[in-house]
C-alpha atoms as a PDB file:
ATOM      1  CA  MET A   1      17.155  -0.559 -13.394  1.00  0.00           C
ATOM      2  CA  ALA A   2      16.791   2.622 -15.061  1.00  0.00           C
ATOM      3  CA  THR A   3      16.117   6.572 -13.652  1.00  0.00           C
ATOM      4  CA  ILE A   4      12.484   6.671 -12.609  1.00  0.00           C
ATOM      5  CA  ARG A   5      11.680  10.055 -12.796  1.00  0.00           C
ATOM      6  CA  ARG A   6       7.432  10.284 -12.589  1.00  0.00           C
ATOM      7  CA  PHE A   7       5.665   6.765 -11.654  1.00  0.00           C
ATOM      8  CA  GLU A   8       4.555   6.461 -15.394  1.00  0.00           C
ATOM      9  CA  ASP A   9       8.206   5.367 -15.993  1.00  0.00           C
ATOM     10  CA  ILE A  10       7.209   2.404 -13.762  1.00  0.00           C
ATOM     11  CA  GLU A  11       6.907  -1.206 -15.121  1.00  0.00           C
ATOM     12  CA  ALA A  12       4.104  -2.141 -12.775  1.00  0.00           C
ATOM     13  CA  TRP A  13       2.085   0.701 -12.845  1.00  0.00           C
ATOM     14  CA  LYS A  14       2.439   0.685 -16.969  1.00  0.00           C
ATOM     15  CA  LYS A  15       0.853  -3.400 -16.729  1.00  0.00           C
ATOM     16  CA  GLY A  16      -1.584  -2.140 -13.810  1.00  0.00           C
ATOM     17  CA  ARG A  17      -2.880   0.315 -16.061  1.00  0.00           C
ATOM     18  CA  GLU A  18      -3.387  -2.183 -18.631  1.00  0.00           C
ATOM     19  CA  LEU A  19      -4.677  -4.276 -16.093  1.00  0.00           C
ATOM     20  CA  ARG A  20      -7.189  -1.652 -15.138  1.00  0.00           C
ATOM     21  CA  ARG A  21      -8.715  -1.134 -18.641  1.00  0.00           C
ATOM     22  CA  SER A  22      -9.076  -5.100 -19.049  1.00  0.00           C
ATOM     23  CA  VAL A  23     -10.842  -4.605 -16.180  1.00  0.00           C
ATOM     24  CA  TYR A  24     -13.063  -1.903 -17.562  1.00  0.00           C
ATOM     25  CA  ALA A  25     -13.480  -3.152 -20.708  1.00  0.00           C
ATOM     26  CA  GLU A  26     -15.179  -6.736 -19.926  1.00  0.00           C
ATOM     27  CA  THR A  27     -17.301  -5.300 -16.847  1.00  0.00           C
ATOM     28  CA  LYS A  28     -18.987  -2.841 -19.683  1.00  0.00           C
ATOM     29  CA  ARG A  29     -20.484  -6.520 -20.886  1.00  0.00           C
ATOM     30  CA  GLY A  30     -23.391  -8.252 -20.333  1.00  0.00           C
ATOM     31  CA  GLU A  31     -24.983  -9.676 -16.951  1.00  0.00           C
ATOM     32  CA  PHE A  32     -21.338  -7.891 -15.594  1.00  0.00           C
ATOM     33  CA  ALA A  33     -22.393  -4.444 -16.493  1.00  0.00           C
ATOM     34  CA  ARG A  34     -25.689  -5.129 -14.264  1.00  0.00           C
ATOM     35  CA  ASP A  35     -24.096  -6.543 -11.341  1.00  0.00           C
ATOM     36  CA  PHE A  36     -23.518  -2.694 -10.276  1.00  0.00           C
ATOM     37  CA  GLU A  37     -22.005  -3.987  -6.934  1.00  0.00           C
ATOM     38  CA  LEU A  38     -19.623  -6.422  -8.378  1.00  0.00           C
ATOM     39  CA  LYS A  39     -18.245  -4.265 -11.421  1.00  0.00           C
ATOM     40  CA  GLY A  40     -18.378  -0.612  -8.774  1.00  0.00           C
ATOM     41  CA  GLN A  41     -15.668  -3.489  -6.320  1.00  0.00           C
ATOM     42  CA  ILE A  42     -13.408  -4.879  -9.409  1.00  0.00           C
ATOM     43  CA  ARG A  43     -13.065  -1.280 -10.591  1.00  0.00           C
ATOM     44  CA  ARG A  44     -12.209   0.296  -7.508  1.00  0.00           C
ATOM     45  CA  THR A  45      -9.868  -2.377  -6.902  1.00  0.00           C
ATOM     46  CA  ALA A  46      -8.419  -2.233 -10.175  1.00  0.00           C
ATOM     47  CA  ILE A  47      -7.974   1.734  -9.854  1.00  0.00           C
ATOM     48  CA  SER A  48      -6.615   1.070  -6.178  1.00  0.00           C
ATOM     49  CA  VAL A  49      -3.623  -0.681  -7.905  1.00  0.00           C
ATOM     50  CA  THR A  50      -2.300   1.809 -10.025  1.00  0.00           C
ATOM     51  CA  SER A  51      -3.461   5.074  -7.758  1.00  0.00           C
ATOM     52  CA  ASN A  52      -1.173   3.452  -4.775  1.00  0.00           C
ATOM     53  CA  ILE A  53       1.737   2.521  -7.259  1.00  0.00           C
ATOM     54  CA  ALA A  54       1.487   7.014  -7.525  1.00  0.00           C
ATOM     55  CA  GLU A  55       0.560   8.107  -4.279  1.00  0.00           C
ATOM     56  CA  GLY A  56       3.585   5.829  -2.888  1.00  0.00           C
ATOM     57  CA  PHE A  57       6.017   7.148  -5.889  1.00  0.00           C
ATOM     58  CA  GLU A  58       4.758  11.060  -4.620  1.00  0.00           C
ATOM     59  CA  ARG A  59       5.686  10.532  -1.312  1.00  0.00           C
ATOM     60  CA  ARG A  60       9.619  10.126  -2.106  1.00  0.00           C
ATOM     61  CA  GLY A  61      10.152   8.084   0.811  1.00  0.00           C
ATOM     62  CA  ASN A  62      11.024   4.154   0.813  1.00  0.00           C
ATOM     63  CA  LYS A  63       9.456   3.128   3.268  1.00  0.00           C
ATOM     64  CA  GLU A  64       6.266   4.567   2.861  1.00  0.00           C
ATOM     65  CA  PHE A  65       6.712   3.362  -1.262  1.00  0.00           C
ATOM     66  CA  ILE A  66       6.871   0.308  -0.148  1.00  0.00           C
ATOM     67  CA  GLN A  67       3.849   0.558   2.552  1.00  0.00           C
ATOM     68  CA  PHE A  68       1.580   2.017  -0.930  1.00  0.00           C
ATOM     69  CA  LEU A  69       3.326  -1.164  -3.429  1.00  0.00           C
ATOM     70  CA  SER A  70       2.204  -3.231  -0.599  1.00  0.00           C
ATOM     71  CA  ASN A  71      -1.290  -2.258  -0.746  1.00  0.00           C
ATOM     72  CA  ALA A  72      -1.238  -1.745  -4.738  1.00  0.00           C
ATOM     73  CA  LYS A  73      -0.329  -5.513  -4.506  1.00  0.00           C
ATOM     74  CA  GLY A  74      -2.803  -6.792  -1.860  1.00  0.00           C
ATOM     75  CA  SER A  75      -5.409  -5.120  -4.620  1.00  0.00           C
ATOM     76  CA  CYS A  76      -4.197  -7.128  -7.190  1.00  0.00           C
ATOM     77  CA  GLY A  77      -5.082 -10.364  -4.676  1.00  0.00           C
ATOM     78  CA  GLU A  78      -8.827  -8.447  -4.292  1.00  0.00           C
ATOM     79  CA  VAL A  79      -9.023  -7.774  -7.736  1.00  0.00           C
ATOM     80  CA  ARG A  80      -8.058 -12.017  -8.297  1.00  0.00           C
ATOM     81  CA  ASP A  81     -10.526 -12.863  -5.642  1.00  0.00           C
ATOM     82  CA  GLN A  82     -13.391 -10.749  -7.492  1.00  0.00           C
ATOM     83  CA  LEU A  83     -12.524 -12.675 -10.778  1.00  0.00           C
ATOM     84  CA  TYR A  84     -13.082 -16.095  -9.473  1.00  0.00           C
ATOM     85  CA  VAL A  85     -17.033 -14.367  -8.227  1.00  0.00           C
ATOM     86  CA  ALA A  86     -16.965 -12.770 -11.904  1.00  0.00           C
ATOM     87  CA  LEU A  87     -16.324 -16.701 -13.314  1.00  0.00           C
ATOM     88  CA  ASP A  88     -18.826 -18.609 -10.515  1.00  0.00           C
ATOM     89  CA  GLU A  89     -21.871 -16.083 -11.748  1.00  0.00           C
ATOM     90  CA  GLU A  90     -20.547 -16.714 -15.346  1.00  0.00           C
ATOM     91  CA  TYR A  91     -20.037 -13.221 -16.469  1.00  0.00           C
ATOM     92  CA  ILE A  92     -16.572 -13.913 -18.000  1.00  0.00           C
ATOM     93  CA  SER A  93     -15.356 -17.100 -19.644  1.00  0.00           C
ATOM     94  CA  GLN A  94     -12.760 -19.423 -18.582  1.00  0.00           C
ATOM     95  CA  THR A  95     -10.594 -18.045 -21.310  1.00  0.00           C
ATOM     96  CA  GLN A  96     -10.901 -14.528 -20.226  1.00  0.00           C
ATOM     97  CA  PHE A  97     -10.816 -15.019 -16.316  1.00  0.00           C
ATOM     98  CA  GLY A  98      -7.348 -16.891 -17.575  1.00  0.00           C
ATOM     99  CA  PHE A  99      -6.625 -13.987 -19.675  1.00  0.00           C
ATOM    100  CA  LEU A 100      -7.289 -11.421 -16.535  1.00  0.00           C
ATOM    101  CA  ASP A 101      -5.819 -13.250 -13.470  1.00  0.00           C
ATOM    102  CA  GLU A 102      -2.261 -13.718 -15.632  1.00  0.00           C
ATOM    103  CA  MET A 103      -2.679  -9.790 -15.854  1.00  0.00           C
ATOM    104  CA  THR A 104      -3.027  -9.842 -12.315  1.00  0.00           C
ATOM    105  CA  ASP A 105      -0.655 -11.679 -11.741  1.00  0.00           C
ATOM    106  CA  GLU A 106       2.298 -10.583 -13.856  1.00  0.00           C
ATOM    107  CA  VAL A 107       1.559  -6.823 -11.664  1.00  0.00           C
ATOM    108  CA  ARG A 108       1.168  -8.771  -8.578  1.00  0.00           C
ATOM    109  CA  ARG A 109       5.164 -10.685  -9.101  1.00  0.00           C
ATOM    110  CA  LEU A 110       6.105  -6.994 -10.822  1.00  0.00           C
ATOM    111  CA  ILE A 111       5.330  -5.055  -7.617  1.00  0.00           C
ATOM    112  CA  GLY A 112       7.202  -7.516  -5.469  1.00  0.00           C
ATOM    113  CA  GLY A 113      10.462  -7.606  -6.890  1.00  0.00           C
ATOM    114  CA  PHE A 114       9.908  -3.635  -6.824  1.00  0.00           C
ATOM    115  CA  MET A 115       9.628  -3.922  -3.405  1.00  0.00           C
ATOM    116  CA  SER A 116      12.705  -5.681  -3.051  1.00  0.00           C
ATOM    117  CA  TYR A 117      14.562  -4.132  -5.277  1.00  0.00           C
ATOM    118  CA  LEU A 118      13.438  -1.179  -3.218  1.00  0.00           C
ATOM    119  CA  GLN A 119      14.539  -3.194   0.551  1.00  0.00           C
ATOM    120  CA  ARG A 120      17.860  -3.897  -0.388  1.00  0.00           C
ATOM    121  CA  SER A 121      18.358  -0.601  -2.437  1.00  0.00           C
ATOM    122  CA  SER A 122      20.425   1.735  -0.487  1.00  0.00           C
ATOM    123  CA  ILE A 123      19.192   4.739  -2.130  1.00  0.00           C
ATOM    124  CA  ARG A 124      16.940   6.585   0.742  1.00  0.00           C
ATOM    125  CA  GLY A 125      14.287   9.520   0.668  1.00  0.00           C
ATOM    126  CA  GLN A 126      14.460  11.240  -2.825  1.00  0.00           C
ATOM    127  CA  LYS A 127      14.302   7.966  -4.654  1.00  0.00           C
ATOM    128  CA  PHE A 128      14.758   8.302  -8.106  1.00  0.00           C
ATOM    129  CA  ARG A 129      14.605  11.520  -9.347  1.00  0.00           C
ATOM    130  CA  SER A 130      17.093  14.560  -8.297  1.00  0.00           C
ATOM    131  CA  TYR A 131      14.849  17.651  -6.238  1.00  0.00           C
ATOM    132  CA  SER A 132      14.929  20.898  -7.289  1.00  0.00           C
ATOM    133  CA  GLY A 133      13.093  22.541  -5.428  1.00  0.00           C
ATOM    134  CA  SER A 134       9.988  23.357  -7.262  1.00  0.00           C
ATOM    135  CA  GLU A 135       8.162  20.232  -6.669  1.00  0.00           C
END
């Protein structure tokens, strides 16, 4: 595994960012844009995916990081559920749903794989980067 010096280096965060941008794009259109509750909730949930990865990384300990990754993975499930609401309300097409659902599943799998790696890793505490004392 490549050295991770900042949360932006984490593949799951990168893919989560793509998912968040796609969710924002879909929620700007048509009836979806006018359903303020669902639009706000799915946006917050998509933000939660990347925010939990970033916050967990900055905590500096594997156990805490794994917990935050677990929260991010849970948020992927929440995004998927909200996509079903959007599909059922006909705010998005089956094609749009499939695209977003696939993106969400990819992020979920990346997070799960990273969690497994951290659980097996002998690296503890300052996880992936050397500490210079200036952080």
